Amino acid sequence: MADFNKAFEILMKLEFSNSSNYLHKNSTERDYTVAGIYKYAHPKWLGWFIVMDTLERKQGNMAISCRELYLNSHLKKLVMQFYKSQFWDSMRLDKIRNDNTATELFVFAVNAGTRNAVRKAQKLVGAYTDG
């Protein structure tokens, strides 16, 4: 069985190796993104309470908020739960025996979407590509 915790740590090192980009709001987006989780797409995610409280306490200072949120262990647990349910569990990656294969599929799915990741994996092994 593949190990989600190992895969998650790899994802975080690849995507968020430091606090500077942990929280942001792009000019083309309607709302904030923290650890890759877009508020507009996932407004009911429980981590937003922590994010918005931090921004309020830090008077909207993104740099200070980024550092504090990056180090927040409770927020990290919520981020882990999000990625596990939205990507790892939905693709049943725990059924894969090889950690490297599961991790590669997981990271690819986070960046390209689960349907695309599953379709590519199906194509690679010669299976019907239904996603």
C-alpha atoms as a PDB file:
ATOM      1  CA  MET A   1       0.000   0.000   0.000  1.00  0.00           C
ATOM      2  CA  ALA A   2       1.291   3.429  -0.934  1.00  0.00           C
ATOM      3  CA  ASP A   3       1.896   5.977   1.815  1.00  0.00           C
ATOM      4  CA  PHE A   4      -0.101   9.222   1.583  1.00  0.00           C
ATOM      5  CA  ASN A   5       2.012  10.988   4.219  1.00  0.00           C
ATOM      6  CA  LYS A   6       5.196  10.511   2.185  1.00  0.00           C
ATOM      7  CA  ALA A   7       3.451  11.665  -0.986  1.00  0.00           C
ATOM      8  CA  PHE A   8       2.032  14.719   0.770  1.00  0.00           C
ATOM      9  CA  GLU A   9       5.436  15.768   2.096  1.00  0.00           C
ATOM     10  CA  ILE A  10       6.881  15.488  -1.414  1.00  0.00           C
ATOM     11  CA  LEU A  11       4.019  17.569  -2.793  1.00  0.00           C
ATOM     12  CA  MET A  12       4.565  20.263  -0.186  1.00  0.00           C
ATOM     13  CA  LYS A  13       8.308  20.390  -0.914  1.00  0.00           C
ATOM     14  CA  LEU A  14       7.623  20.708  -4.636  1.00  0.00           C
ATOM     15  CA  GLU A  15       4.812  23.227  -4.406  1.00  0.00           C
ATOM     16  CA  PHE A  16       5.407  25.118  -1.144  1.00  0.00           C
ATOM     17  CA  SER A  17       9.034  24.836  -0.116  1.00  0.00           C
ATOM     18  CA  ASN A  18       8.854  28.172   1.690  1.00  0.00           C
ATOM     19  CA  SER A  19       6.216  30.484   3.091  1.00  0.00           C
ATOM     20  CA  SER A  20       6.437  33.189   0.425  1.00  0.00           C
ATOM     21  CA  ASN A  21       3.809  31.639  -1.859  1.00  0.00           C
ATOM     22  CA  TYR A  22       1.716  29.757   0.679  1.00  0.00           C
ATOM     23  CA  LEU A  23      -1.090  32.330   0.597  1.00  0.00           C
ATOM     24  CA  HIS A  24      -1.808  34.543  -2.387  1.00  0.00           C
ATOM     25  CA  LYS A  25      -4.492  36.247  -4.412  1.00  0.00           C
ATOM     26  CA  ASN A  26      -3.795  36.583  -8.118  1.00  0.00           C
ATOM     27  CA  SER A  27      -5.255  39.516 -10.002  1.00  0.00           C
ATOM     28  CA  THR A  28      -7.214  37.119 -12.218  1.00  0.00           C
ATOM     29  CA  GLU A  29      -8.745  35.233  -9.283  1.00  0.00           C
ATOM     30  CA  ARG A  30     -11.824  36.132  -7.268  1.00  0.00           C
ATOM     31  CA  ASP A  31     -10.471  35.037  -3.922  1.00  0.00           C
ATOM     32  CA  TYR A  32      -7.505  33.742  -1.920  1.00  0.00           C
ATOM     33  CA  THR A  33      -5.536  30.559  -2.475  1.00  0.00           C
ATOM     34  CA  VAL A  34      -3.705  28.881   0.398  1.00  0.00           C
ATOM     35  CA  ALA A  35      -1.501  25.818  -0.112  1.00  0.00           C
ATOM     36  CA  GLY A  36      -3.075  25.457  -3.542  1.00  0.00           C
ATOM     37  CA  ILE A  37      -6.649  25.478  -2.215  1.00  0.00           C
ATOM     38  CA  TYR A  38      -8.740  28.147  -3.962  1.00  0.00           C
ATOM     39  CA  LYS A  39     -11.378  29.708  -1.717  1.00  0.00           C
ATOM     40  CA  TYR A  40     -13.808  30.448  -4.554  1.00  0.00           C
ATOM     41  CA  ALA A  41     -13.820  26.773  -5.574  1.00  0.00           C
ATOM     42  CA  HIS A  42     -13.821  25.396  -2.009  1.00  0.00           C
ATOM     43  CA  PRO A  43     -15.566  28.017   0.163  1.00  0.00           C
ATOM     44  CA  LYS A  44     -16.698  25.526   2.836  1.00  0.00           C
ATOM     45  CA  TRP A  45     -13.236  24.163   3.578  1.00  0.00           C
ATOM     46  CA  LEU A  46     -12.647  24.608   7.317  1.00  0.00           C
ATOM     47  CA  GLY A  47      -9.155  26.032   6.854  1.00  0.00           C
ATOM     48  CA  TRP A  48     -10.611  29.327   5.661  1.00  0.00           C
ATOM     49  CA  PHE A  49     -11.532  30.249   9.234  1.00  0.00           C
ATOM     50  CA  ILE A  50      -7.848  30.117  10.188  1.00  0.00           C
ATOM     51  CA  VAL A  51      -6.729  31.950   7.045  1.00  0.00           C
ATOM     52  CA  MET A  52      -9.236  34.781   7.338  1.00  0.00           C
ATOM     53  CA  ASP A  53      -8.636  35.169  11.080  1.00  0.00           C
ATOM     54  CA  THR A  54      -4.890  35.387  10.473  1.00  0.00           C
ATOM     55  CA  LEU A  55      -5.309  37.971   7.721  1.00  0.00           C
ATOM     56  CA  GLU A  56      -7.555  40.036   9.959  1.00  0.00           C
ATOM     57  CA  ARG A  57      -5.174  39.865  12.928  1.00  0.00           C
ATOM     58  CA  LYS A  58      -2.229  40.788  10.681  1.00  0.00           C
ATOM     59  CA  GLN A  59      -4.238  43.623   9.106  1.00  0.00           C
ATOM     60  CA  GLY A  60      -4.039  42.109   5.637  1.00  0.00           C
ATOM     61  CA  ASN A  61      -0.248  41.876   5.628  1.00  0.00           C
ATOM     62  CA  MET A  62       0.295  38.980   3.224  1.00  0.00           C
ATOM     63  CA  ALA A  63       3.978  38.368   3.998  1.00  0.00           C
ATOM     64  CA  ILE A  64       3.427  38.058   7.742  1.00  0.00           C
ATOM     65  CA  SER A  65       0.224  36.058   7.229  1.00  0.00           C
ATOM     66  CA  CYS A  66       2.026  33.683   4.859  1.00  0.00           C
ATOM     67  CA  ARG A  67       4.716  32.938   7.414  1.00  0.00           C
ATOM     68  CA  GLU A  68       2.239  32.394  10.238  1.00  0.00           C
ATOM     69  CA  LEU A  69      -0.068  30.183   8.154  1.00  0.00           C
ATOM     70  CA  TYR A  70       2.863  28.172   6.799  1.00  0.00           C
ATOM     71  CA  LEU A  71       3.858  27.267  10.359  1.00  0.00           C
ATOM     72  CA  ASN A  72       0.320  26.609  11.640  1.00  0.00           C
ATOM     73  CA  SER A  73       0.131  22.884  12.479  1.00  0.00           C
ATOM     74  CA  HIS A  74      -3.679  22.823  12.652  1.00  0.00           C
ATOM     75  CA  LEU A  75      -3.924  24.388   9.192  1.00  0.00           C
ATOM     76  CA  LYS A  76      -1.408  21.852   7.863  1.00  0.00           C
ATOM     77  CA  LYS A  77      -3.649  19.020   9.121  1.00  0.00           C
ATOM     78  CA  LEU A  78      -6.642  20.557   7.352  1.00  0.00           C
ATOM     79  CA  VAL A  79      -4.601  20.963   4.162  1.00  0.00           C
ATOM     80  CA  MET A  80      -3.534  17.310   4.406  1.00  0.00           C
ATOM     81  CA  GLN A  81      -7.135  16.182   4.880  1.00  0.00           C
ATOM     82  CA  PHE A  82      -8.189  18.220   1.843  1.00  0.00           C
ATOM     83  CA  TYR A  83      -5.532  16.733  -0.446  1.00  0.00           C
ATOM     84  CA  LYS A  84      -6.155  13.236   0.864  1.00  0.00           C
ATOM     85  CA  SER A  85      -9.904  13.347   0.231  1.00  0.00           C
ATOM     86  CA  GLN A  86      -9.863  15.360  -3.001  1.00  0.00           C
ATOM     87  CA  PHE A  87      -6.997  13.558  -4.731  1.00  0.00           C
ATOM     88  CA  TRP A  88      -5.512  10.540  -2.937  1.00  0.00           C
ATOM     89  CA  ASP A  89      -8.746   8.870  -1.832  1.00  0.00           C
ATOM     90  CA  SER A  90     -10.738   9.810  -4.916  1.00  0.00           C
ATOM     91  CA  MET A  91      -8.138   8.044  -7.088  1.00  0.00           C
ATOM     92  CA  ARG A  92      -7.776   5.148  -4.594  1.00  0.00           C
ATOM     93  CA  LEU A  93      -4.023   5.590  -4.583  1.00  0.00           C
ATOM     94  CA  ASP A  94      -3.708   3.575  -1.380  1.00  0.00           C
ATOM     95  CA  LYS A  95      -4.380   0.502  -3.572  1.00  0.00           C
ATOM     96  CA  ILE A  96      -1.136   1.063  -5.493  1.00  0.00           C
ATOM     97  CA  ARG A  97       1.737  -0.974  -4.108  1.00  0.00           C
ATOM     98  CA  ASN A  98       4.562   1.258  -5.292  1.00  0.00           C
ATOM     99  CA  ASP A  99       5.047   4.520  -3.361  1.00  0.00           C
ATOM    100  CA  ASN A 100       6.804   6.263  -6.247  1.00  0.00           C
ATOM    101  CA  THR A 101       4.032   5.456  -8.717  1.00  0.00           C
ATOM    102  CA  ALA A 102       1.308   6.582  -6.337  1.00  0.00           C
ATOM    103  CA  THR A 103       3.206   9.777  -5.494  1.00  0.00           C
ATOM    104  CA  GLU A 104       3.725  10.625  -9.163  1.00  0.00           C
ATOM    105  CA  LEU A 105       0.027  10.123  -9.893  1.00  0.00           C
ATOM    106  CA  PHE A 106      -0.909  12.174  -6.834  1.00  0.00           C
ATOM    107  CA  VAL A 107       1.329  15.139  -7.705  1.00  0.00           C
ATOM    108  CA  PHE A 108       0.220  15.013 -11.344  1.00  0.00           C
ATOM    109  CA  ALA A 109      -3.451  14.960 -10.282  1.00  0.00           C
ATOM    110  CA  VAL A 110      -2.979  17.971  -8.022  1.00  0.00           C
ATOM    111  CA  ASN A 111      -1.573  19.932 -10.951  1.00  0.00           C
ATOM    112  CA  ALA A 112      -3.630  18.536 -13.842  1.00  0.00           C
ATOM    113  CA  GLY A 113      -6.797  17.224 -12.197  1.00  0.00           C
ATOM    114  CA  THR A 114      -7.747  13.720 -11.122  1.00  0.00           C
ATOM    115  CA  ARG A 115      -9.568  12.874 -14.349  1.00  0.00           C
ATOM    116  CA  ASN A 116      -6.540  13.786 -16.470  1.00  0.00           C
ATOM    117  CA  ALA A 117      -4.180  11.871 -14.182  1.00  0.00           C
ATOM    118  CA  VAL A 118      -6.334   8.747 -14.260  1.00  0.00           C
ATOM    119  CA  ARG A 119      -6.729   8.954 -18.034  1.00  0.00           C
ATOM    120  CA  LYS A 120      -2.953   9.244 -18.540  1.00  0.00           C
ATOM    121  CA  ALA A 121      -2.323   6.305 -16.214  1.00  0.00           C
ATOM    122  CA  GLN A 122      -4.934   4.232 -18.053  1.00  0.00           C
ATOM    123  CA  LYS A 123      -3.357   5.103 -21.388  1.00  0.00           C
ATOM    124  CA  LEU A 124       0.124   4.171 -20.137  1.00  0.00           C
ATOM    125  CA  VAL A 125      -0.986   0.695 -19.123  1.00  0.00           C
ATOM    126  CA  GLY A 126      -3.111   0.151 -22.239  1.00  0.00           C
ATOM    127  CA  ALA A 127      -6.484   0.260 -20.458  1.00  0.00           C
ATOM    128  CA  TYR A 128      -9.643   1.904 -21.752  1.00  0.00           C
ATOM    129  CA  THR A 129      -9.271   5.620 -21.007  1.00  0.00           C
ATOM    130  CA  ASP A 130     -12.517   6.560 -19.335  1.00  0.00           C
ATOM    131  CA  GLY A 131     -10.970   8.643 -16.537  1.00  0.00           C
END
